[in-house]
Amino acid sequence: MRVVVTSNNMVRLSFLTVLLADAGIEAVLLDTHTSVLEGSAAAIQRRLAVSTEDYDQACRILEEANER
């Protein structure tokens, strides 16, 4: 797994997950529980990760959408 984006913006992360899914790339959201435990401090960002095999394609898709 490789991280393509880090953010605390859940709307953005949801959008990016769908954007990648539309291209056939499964994305996994990491650090969700840890971020929630920290409360609203936004100290721990969530990470959106994809498989190593999909990483290059995912980066291209995100760059084309001006999201990276």
Protein backbone atom coordinates (compact mmCIF):
# COMPACT_ATOMS: atom_id res chain seq x y z
CA MET A 1 0.00 0.00 0.00
CA ARG A 2 1.11 3.53 -0.80
CA VAL A 3 -0.41 6.78 0.39
CA VAL A 4 -1.66 9.11 -2.33
CA VAL A 5 -3.31 11.84 -0.22
CA THR A 6 -3.46 12.96 3.41
CA SER A 7 -6.27 15.20 4.64
CA ASN A 8 -8.73 15.87 7.44
CA ASN A 9 -11.43 16.87 4.97
CA MET A 10 -13.82 13.91 4.91
CA VAL A 11 -15.80 15.29 1.96
CA ARG A 12 -12.62 15.53 -0.13
CA LEU A 13 -11.48 12.06 0.91
CA SER A 14 -14.88 10.63 0.02
CA PHE A 15 -14.78 12.35 -3.37
CA LEU A 16 -11.28 11.05 -4.08
CA THR A 17 -12.25 7.52 -3.07
CA VAL A 18 -15.14 7.60 -5.56
CA LEU A 19 -12.95 9.18 -8.24
CA LEU A 20 -10.45 6.36 -7.91
CA ALA A 21 -13.18 3.71 -7.71
CA ASP A 22 -14.59 4.98 -11.01
CA ALA A 23 -11.19 4.19 -12.53
CA GLY A 24 -11.23 0.70 -11.00
CA ILE A 25 -8.79 1.52 -8.21
CA GLU A 26 -9.63 0.45 -4.68
CA ALA A 27 -8.59 3.02 -2.10
CA VAL A 28 -8.34 2.45 1.65
CA LEU A 29 -8.75 5.17 4.25
CA LEU A 30 -6.20 4.83 7.05
CA ASP A 31 -6.04 6.47 10.50
CA THR A 32 -9.78 7.08 10.73
CA HIS A 33 -10.13 5.75 14.28
CA THR A 34 -7.00 7.45 15.54
CA SER A 35 -8.12 10.75 14.07
CA VAL A 36 -11.53 10.43 15.74
CA LEU A 37 -9.90 9.68 19.10
CA GLU A 38 -7.95 12.93 18.86
CA GLY A 39 -11.20 14.87 18.59
CA SER A 40 -11.40 18.09 16.63
CA ALA A 41 -7.73 19.00 17.10
CA ALA A 42 -6.97 17.82 13.55
CA ALA A 43 -3.58 16.67 14.77
CA ILE A 44 -3.71 13.37 12.90
CA GLN A 45 -4.64 13.44 9.25
CA ARG A 46 -6.33 10.55 7.52
CA ARG A 47 -4.39 8.84 4.75
CA LEU A 48 -5.85 7.59 1.48
CA ALA A 49 -3.83 4.64 0.20
CA VAL A 50 -3.89 2.42 -2.86
CA SER A 51 -2.07 -0.77 -3.78
CA THR A 52 1.50 -0.39 -4.99
CA GLU A 53 0.42 -1.65 -8.42
CA ASP A 54 -2.22 1.09 -8.74
CA TYR A 55 -0.11 3.90 -7.30
CA ASP A 56 1.14 5.49 -10.55
CA GLN A 57 -2.29 5.41 -12.18
CA ALA A 58 -3.93 6.80 -9.03
CA CYS A 59 -1.43 9.67 -8.95
CA ARG A 60 -2.15 10.51 -12.59
CA ILE A 61 -5.91 10.52 -11.95
CA LEU A 62 -5.56 12.77 -8.92
CA GLU A 63 -3.20 15.13 -10.74
CA GLU A 64 -5.62 15.41 -13.69
CA ALA A 65 -8.35 16.34 -11.19
CA ASN A 66 -6.03 18.91 -9.53
CA GLU A 67 -6.27 16.98 -6.27
CA ARG A 68 -2.63 16.21 -5.73
